[in-house]
Amino acid sequence: SKKKGLSFEEKRARMMEIFFETKDVFQLKDIEKIAPKEKGITSMSVKEILQSLVDDGMVDTDRIGTSNYFWAFPSKALHARKRKLEELESQLAESNQKKEALQKSIEKSKIGREDTAERAALMEELAALRQKKEQLKAEIDKYRECDPDVVEEMRQTNKVAKEAANRWTDNIFSIKSWAKRKFGFEESRIDKGFGIPEDLDYID
């Protein structure tokens, strides 16, 4: 089956890992080399992902001479994320209050009346508020994706997965070695018979 690509938010979180893990300052060309190799982010999407993080205040940037430099430290990113979350949650609370007030107005307008222009307008506004609410919830989730704690958890999960993959690779090499000694098979024959890729190797 075709390998599923990373979502936009997964790419954002992985790019934040680059900054958090290294605590270094990079130029765009550096990130375009690191991101595909270490985080599986396609080089074509690096600039877009990086710009979205800059726009959201998650990554800092400055121009020195003719070059742009980018950096992000967990403490600042966490502060920026908390501030944005508070702002979004405040907007969501206001949206919910307005939605409830409109819902009451709609229910009141139903009593003893047929559909009216006023009720239609209220219904339309309610639909718009519901859509706004979903957008705000999605925005909140987006910031949670870049939470340094979440990034650290993902990094630990990746580490465990990498260790497990290397352990299985080691097992495969051991079995291949045993089969060659026991039966005198050529390595290429073992690979072909068991569907083992020729370039199978440990993950760095």
C-alpha atoms as a PDB file:
ATOM      1  CA  SER A   1       0.000   0.000   0.000  1.00  0.00           C
ATOM      2  CA  LYS A   2       1.106   3.554  -0.654  1.00  0.00           C
ATOM      3  CA  LYS A   3       2.756   5.217   2.335  1.00  0.00           C
ATOM      4  CA  LYS A   4       0.580   7.952   3.791  1.00  0.00           C
ATOM      5  CA  GLY A   5       2.261  11.378   3.770  1.00  0.00           C
ATOM      6  CA  LEU A   6       2.555  13.633   6.790  1.00  0.00           C
ATOM      7  CA  SER A   7      -0.251  16.084   7.501  1.00  0.00           C
ATOM      8  CA  PHE A   8       0.430  19.828   7.633  1.00  0.00           C
ATOM      9  CA  GLU A   9       0.270  19.813  11.458  1.00  0.00           C
ATOM     10  CA  GLU A  10       2.560  16.769  11.718  1.00  0.00           C
ATOM     11  CA  LYS A  11       5.099  18.599   9.571  1.00  0.00           C
ATOM     12  CA  ARG A  12       4.816  21.691  11.820  1.00  0.00           C
ATOM     13  CA  ALA A  13       5.386  19.589  14.954  1.00  0.00           C
ATOM     14  CA  ARG A  14       8.359  17.787  13.426  1.00  0.00           C
ATOM     15  CA  MET A  15       9.930  21.039  12.299  1.00  0.00           C
ATOM     16  CA  MET A  16       9.596  22.399  15.850  1.00  0.00           C
ATOM     17  CA  GLU A  17      11.480  19.263  16.982  1.00  0.00           C
ATOM     18  CA  ILE A  18      14.463  20.383  14.882  1.00  0.00           C
ATOM     19  CA  PHE A  19      14.672  23.649  16.806  1.00  0.00           C
ATOM     20  CA  PHE A  20      13.876  22.212  20.257  1.00  0.00           C
ATOM     21  CA  GLU A  21      16.300  19.280  19.976  1.00  0.00           C
ATOM     22  CA  THR A  22      19.253  21.298  18.645  1.00  0.00           C
ATOM     23  CA  LYS A  23      18.572  24.715  20.238  1.00  0.00           C
ATOM     24  CA  ASP A  24      20.472  26.074  17.225  1.00  0.00           C
ATOM     25  CA  VAL A  25      20.023  28.881  14.686  1.00  0.00           C
ATOM     26  CA  PHE A  26      19.514  27.917  11.034  1.00  0.00           C
ATOM     27  CA  GLN A  27      19.273  29.391   7.568  1.00  0.00           C
ATOM     28  CA  LEU A  28      16.507  28.154   5.262  1.00  0.00           C
ATOM     29  CA  LYS A  29      18.979  26.097   3.216  1.00  0.00           C
ATOM     30  CA  ASP A  30      20.091  24.284   6.395  1.00  0.00           C
ATOM     31  CA  ILE A  31      16.523  23.336   7.303  1.00  0.00           C
ATOM     32  CA  GLU A  32      15.836  22.250   3.712  1.00  0.00           C
ATOM     33  CA  LYS A  33      18.665  19.717   4.126  1.00  0.00           C
ATOM     34  CA  ILE A  34      17.858  18.579   7.678  1.00  0.00           C
ATOM     35  CA  ALA A  35      14.036  18.333   7.500  1.00  0.00           C
ATOM     36  CA  PRO A  36      13.774  15.691   4.705  1.00  0.00           C
ATOM     37  CA  LYS A  37      16.603  13.543   6.077  1.00  0.00           C
ATOM     38  CA  GLU A  38      15.793  13.584   9.797  1.00  0.00           C
ATOM     39  CA  LYS A  39      12.064  14.394   9.967  1.00  0.00           C
ATOM     40  CA  GLY A  40      10.600  13.111   6.693  1.00  0.00           C
ATOM     41  CA  ILE A  41       9.398  16.572   5.613  1.00  0.00           C
ATOM     42  CA  THR A  42       9.636  17.049   1.846  1.00  0.00           C
ATOM     43  CA  SER A  43      12.071  19.814   0.887  1.00  0.00           C
ATOM     44  CA  MET A  44       9.392  21.466  -1.296  1.00  0.00           C
ATOM     45  CA  SER A  45       7.144  22.069   1.735  1.00  0.00           C
ATOM     46  CA  VAL A  46       9.865  23.267   4.154  1.00  0.00           C
ATOM     47  CA  LYS A  47       9.520  26.961   3.270  1.00  0.00           C
ATOM     48  CA  GLU A  48       5.701  26.919   3.623  1.00  0.00           C
ATOM     49  CA  ILE A  49       5.791  25.066   6.956  1.00  0.00           C
ATOM     50  CA  LEU A  50       8.530  27.331   8.321  1.00  0.00           C
ATOM     51  CA  GLN A  51       6.637  30.482   7.266  1.00  0.00           C
ATOM     52  CA  SER A  52       3.453  29.249   8.986  1.00  0.00           C
ATOM     53  CA  LEU A  53       5.402  28.783  12.232  1.00  0.00           C
ATOM     54  CA  VAL A  54       6.940  32.257  11.881  1.00  0.00           C
ATOM     55  CA  ASP A  55       3.460  33.751  11.225  1.00  0.00           C
ATOM     56  CA  ASP A  56       2.134  32.058  14.383  1.00  0.00           C
ATOM     57  CA  GLY A  57       5.030  33.365  16.503  1.00  0.00           C
ATOM     58  CA  MET A  58       6.368  29.850  17.128  1.00  0.00           C
ATOM     59  CA  VAL A  59       9.649  30.486  15.282  1.00  0.00           C
ATOM     60  CA  ASP A  60      11.703  33.704  15.372  1.00  0.00           C
ATOM     61  CA  THR A  61      13.496  35.081  12.328  1.00  0.00           C
ATOM     62  CA  ASP A  62      15.911  37.901  11.607  1.00  0.00           C
ATOM     63  CA  ARG A  63      17.840  39.127   8.603  1.00  0.00           C
ATOM     64  CA  ILE A  64      21.596  39.506   9.063  1.00  0.00           C
ATOM     65  CA  GLY A  65      23.397  40.826   6.028  1.00  0.00           C
ATOM     66  CA  THR A  66      21.916  39.059   3.025  1.00  0.00           C
ATOM     67  CA  SER A  67      20.725  35.969   4.919  1.00  0.00           C
ATOM     68  CA  ASN A  68      17.636  35.139   6.979  1.00  0.00           C
ATOM     69  CA  TYR A  69      18.140  33.169  10.184  1.00  0.00           C
ATOM     70  CA  PHE A  70      15.531  31.125  12.069  1.00  0.00           C
ATOM     71  CA  TRP A  71      15.419  29.862  15.666  1.00  0.00           C
ATOM     72  CA  ALA A  72      12.950  28.741  18.340  1.00  0.00           C
ATOM     73  CA  PHE A  73      13.498  27.906  21.985  1.00  0.00           C
ATOM     74  CA  PRO A  74      11.020  25.804  24.047  1.00  0.00           C
ATOM     75  CA  SER A  75      10.517  28.440  26.757  1.00  0.00           C
ATOM     76  CA  LYS A  76       9.482  31.175  24.297  1.00  0.00           C
ATOM     77  CA  ALA A  77       7.440  28.783  22.172  1.00  0.00           C
ATOM     78  CA  LEU A  78       5.567  27.558  25.236  1.00  0.00           C
ATOM     79  CA  HIS A  79       4.811  31.132  26.326  1.00  0.00           C
ATOM     80  CA  ALA A  80       3.633  32.087  22.827  1.00  0.00           C
ATOM     81  CA  ARG A  81       1.477  28.955  22.584  1.00  0.00           C
ATOM     82  CA  LYS A  82      -0.137  29.581  25.991  1.00  0.00           C
ATOM     83  CA  ARG A  83      -0.874  33.195  25.070  1.00  0.00           C
ATOM     84  CA  LYS A  84      -2.417  32.159  21.742  1.00  0.00           C
ATOM     85  CA  LEU A  85      -4.413  29.360  23.389  1.00  0.00           C
ATOM     86  CA  GLU A  86      -5.811  31.788  25.966  1.00  0.00           C
ATOM     87  CA  GLU A  87      -6.794  34.174  23.175  1.00  0.00           C
ATOM     88  CA  LEU A  88      -8.445  31.407  21.134  1.00  0.00           C
ATOM     89  CA  GLU A  89     -10.231  29.922  24.149  1.00  0.00           C
ATOM     90  CA  SER A  90     -11.558  33.387  25.033  1.00  0.00           C
ATOM     91  CA  GLN A  91     -12.878  33.778  21.477  1.00  0.00           C
ATOM     92  CA  LEU A  92     -14.409  30.307  21.673  1.00  0.00           C
ATOM     93  CA  ALA A  93     -16.142  31.138  24.984  1.00  0.00           C
ATOM     94  CA  GLU A  94     -17.570  34.361  23.497  1.00  0.00           C
ATOM     95  CA  SER A  95     -18.707  32.437  20.426  1.00  0.00           C
ATOM     96  CA  ASN A  96     -20.424  29.834  22.621  1.00  0.00           C
ATOM     97  CA  GLN A  97     -22.238  32.522  24.631  1.00  0.00           C
ATOM     98  CA  LYS A  98     -23.454  34.244  21.488  1.00  0.00           C
ATOM     99  CA  LYS A  99     -24.504  30.894  20.021  1.00  0.00           C
ATOM    100  CA  GLU A 100     -26.539  30.059  23.147  1.00  0.00           C
ATOM    101  CA  ALA A 101     -28.224  33.485  23.093  1.00  0.00           C
ATOM    102  CA  LEU A 102     -29.127  33.030  19.428  1.00  0.00           C
ATOM    103  CA  GLN A 103     -30.406  29.510  20.082  1.00  0.00           C
ATOM    104  CA  LYS A 104     -32.743  30.915  22.757  1.00  0.00           C
ATOM    105  CA  SER A 105     -33.933  33.646  20.386  1.00  0.00           C
ATOM    106  CA  ILE A 106     -34.655  31.028  17.720  1.00  0.00           C
ATOM    107  CA  GLU A 107     -36.590  28.846  20.149  1.00  0.00           C
ATOM    108  CA  LYS A 108     -38.578  31.889  21.289  1.00  0.00           C
ATOM    109  CA  SER A 109     -39.327  32.887  17.705  1.00  0.00           C
ATOM    110  CA  LYS A 110     -40.809  29.437  17.012  1.00  0.00           C
ATOM    111  CA  ILE A 111     -43.591  29.870  19.574  1.00  0.00           C
ATOM    112  CA  GLY A 112     -46.887  30.651  17.846  1.00  0.00           C
ATOM    113  CA  ARG A 113     -45.279  31.705  14.569  1.00  0.00           C
ATOM    114  CA  GLU A 114     -44.395  30.384  11.176  1.00  0.00           C
ATOM    115  CA  ASP A 115     -40.930  30.927   9.700  1.00  0.00           C
ATOM    116  CA  THR A 116     -40.055  34.616   9.534  1.00  0.00           C
ATOM    117  CA  ALA A 117     -37.277  36.662   7.946  1.00  0.00           C
ATOM    118  CA  GLU A 118     -35.943  37.357  11.439  1.00  0.00           C
ATOM    119  CA  ARG A 119     -35.799  33.656  12.278  1.00  0.00           C
ATOM    120  CA  ALA A 120     -34.105  32.889   8.955  1.00  0.00           C
ATOM    121  CA  ALA A 121     -31.477  35.551   9.660  1.00  0.00           C
ATOM    122  CA  LEU A 122     -30.903  34.151  13.154  1.00  0.00           C
ATOM    123  CA  MET A 123     -30.536  30.629  11.740  1.00  0.00           C
ATOM    124  CA  GLU A 124     -27.994  31.898   9.230  1.00  0.00           C
ATOM    125  CA  GLU A 125     -26.013  33.652  11.963  1.00  0.00           C
ATOM    126  CA  LEU A 126     -26.147  30.553  14.125  1.00  0.00           C
ATOM    127  CA  ALA A 127     -24.737  28.436  11.274  1.00  0.00           C
ATOM    128  CA  ALA A 128     -21.908  30.964  10.811  1.00  0.00           C
ATOM    129  CA  LEU A 129     -21.136  30.830  14.537  1.00  0.00           C
ATOM    130  CA  ARG A 130     -21.051  27.041  14.493  1.00  0.00           C
ATOM    131  CA  GLN A 131     -18.567  27.181  11.636  1.00  0.00           C
ATOM    132  CA  LYS A 132     -16.488  29.766  13.515  1.00  0.00           C
ATOM    133  CA  LYS A 133     -16.529  27.545  16.592  1.00  0.00           C
ATOM    134  CA  GLU A 134     -15.149  24.598  14.589  1.00  0.00           C
ATOM    135  CA  GLN A 135     -12.449  26.834  13.093  1.00  0.00           C
ATOM    136  CA  LEU A 136     -11.416  28.024  16.555  1.00  0.00           C
ATOM    137  CA  LYS A 137     -11.305  24.457  17.875  1.00  0.00           C
ATOM    138  CA  ALA A 138      -9.115  23.454  14.922  1.00  0.00           C
ATOM    139  CA  GLU A 139      -6.848  26.445  15.615  1.00  0.00           C
ATOM    140  CA  ILE A 140      -6.520  25.417  19.280  1.00  0.00           C
ATOM    141  CA  ASP A 141      -5.642  21.854  18.257  1.00  0.00           C
ATOM    142  CA  LYS A 142      -3.018  23.252  15.879  1.00  0.00           C
ATOM    143  CA  TYR A 143      -1.230  24.992  18.740  1.00  0.00           C
ATOM    144  CA  ARG A 144      -1.417  21.911  20.910  1.00  0.00           C
ATOM    145  CA  GLU A 145       0.431  20.041  18.130  1.00  0.00           C
ATOM    146  CA  CYS A 146       3.430  22.351  18.667  1.00  0.00           C
ATOM    147  CA  ASP A 147       3.422  22.094  22.467  1.00  0.00           C
ATOM    148  CA  PRO A 148       7.038  21.368  23.561  1.00  0.00           C
ATOM    149  CA  ASP A 149       5.688  18.666  25.897  1.00  0.00           C
ATOM    150  CA  VAL A 150       3.887  16.995  22.972  1.00  0.00           C
ATOM    151  CA  VAL A 151       6.987  17.315  20.797  1.00  0.00           C
ATOM    152  CA  GLU A 152       9.094  15.687  23.529  1.00  0.00           C
ATOM    153  CA  GLU A 153       6.563  12.854  23.842  1.00  0.00           C
ATOM    154  CA  MET A 154       6.686  12.346  20.056  1.00  0.00           C
ATOM    155  CA  ARG A 155      10.487  12.344  20.181  1.00  0.00           C
ATOM    156  CA  GLN A 156      10.460   9.639  22.864  1.00  0.00           C
ATOM    157  CA  THR A 157       7.920   7.608  20.867  1.00  0.00           C
ATOM    158  CA  ASN A 158      10.120   7.902  17.769  1.00  0.00           C
ATOM    159  CA  LYS A 159      13.120   6.760  19.814  1.00  0.00           C
ATOM    160  CA  VAL A 160      11.272   3.648  21.060  1.00  0.00           C
ATOM    161  CA  ALA A 161      10.063   2.864  17.518  1.00  0.00           C
ATOM    162  CA  LYS A 162      13.595   3.276  16.139  1.00  0.00           C
ATOM    163  CA  GLU A 163      15.052   0.975  18.801  1.00  0.00           C
ATOM    164  CA  ALA A 164      12.379  -1.638  18.062  1.00  0.00           C
ATOM    165  CA  ALA A 165      13.025  -1.420  14.307  1.00  0.00           C
ATOM    166  CA  ASN A 166      16.781  -1.852  14.840  1.00  0.00           C
ATOM    167  CA  ARG A 167      16.139  -4.783  17.194  1.00  0.00           C
ATOM    168  CA  TRP A 168      14.099  -6.549  14.505  1.00  0.00           C
ATOM    169  CA  THR A 169      16.740  -5.712  11.896  1.00  0.00           C
ATOM    170  CA  ASP A 170      19.327  -7.307  14.175  1.00  0.00           C
ATOM    171  CA  ASN A 171      17.120 -10.411  14.499  1.00  0.00           C
ATOM    172  CA  ILE A 172      16.807 -10.671  10.710  1.00  0.00           C
ATOM    173  CA  PHE A 173      20.587 -10.408  10.248  1.00  0.00           C
ATOM    174  CA  SER A 174      21.092 -13.110  12.899  1.00  0.00           C
ATOM    175  CA  ILE A 175      18.624 -15.479  11.196  1.00  0.00           C
ATOM    176  CA  LYS A 176      20.233 -14.838   7.799  1.00  0.00           C
ATOM    177  CA  SER A 177      23.660 -15.595   9.248  1.00  0.00           C
ATOM    178  CA  TRP A 178      22.341 -18.820  10.824  1.00  0.00           C
ATOM    179  CA  ALA A 179      20.685 -19.913   7.544  1.00  0.00           C
ATOM    180  CA  LYS A 180      23.892 -19.315   5.581  1.00  0.00           C
ATOM    181  CA  ARG A 181      25.904 -21.433   8.044  1.00  0.00           C
ATOM    182  CA  LYS A 182      23.276 -24.180   8.435  1.00  0.00           C
ATOM    183  CA  PHE A 183      22.187 -24.640   4.826  1.00  0.00           C
ATOM    184  CA  GLY A 184      24.913 -22.913   2.812  1.00  0.00           C
ATOM    185  CA  PHE A 185      22.390 -20.568   1.146  1.00  0.00           C
ATOM    186  CA  GLU A 186      23.610 -17.471  -0.649  1.00  0.00           C
ATOM    187  CA  GLU A 187      22.505 -14.207   0.955  1.00  0.00           C
ATOM    188  CA  SER A 188      20.705 -13.072  -2.219  1.00  0.00           C
ATOM    189  CA  ARG A 189      18.703 -16.317  -2.250  1.00  0.00           C
ATOM    190  CA  ILE A 190      17.638 -15.813   1.377  1.00  0.00           C
ATOM    191  CA  ASP A 191      16.635 -12.200   0.663  1.00  0.00           C
ATOM    192  CA  LYS A 192      14.594 -13.209  -2.371  1.00  0.00           C
ATOM    193  CA  GLY A 193      12.927 -16.180  -0.664  1.00  0.00           C
ATOM    194  CA  PHE A 194      11.796 -14.184   2.347  1.00  0.00           C
ATOM    195  CA  GLY A 195      11.160 -10.825   0.694  1.00  0.00           C
ATOM    196  CA  ILE A 196      13.977  -9.075   2.550  1.00  0.00           C
ATOM    197  CA  PRO A 197      15.066  -5.806   0.862  1.00  0.00           C
ATOM    198  CA  GLU A 198      18.668  -5.833  -0.382  1.00  0.00           C
ATOM    199  CA  ASP A 199      19.305  -2.445   1.256  1.00  0.00           C
ATOM    200  CA  LEU A 200      17.978  -3.492   4.683  1.00  0.00           C
ATOM    201  CA  ASP A 201      20.039  -1.702   7.324  1.00  0.00           C
ATOM    202  CA  TYR A 202      19.863  -0.204  10.788  1.00  0.00           C
ATOM    203  CA  ILE A 203      18.176   3.191  11.256  1.00  0.00           C
ATOM    204  CA  ASP A 204      20.633   5.881  12.342  1.00  0.00           C
END
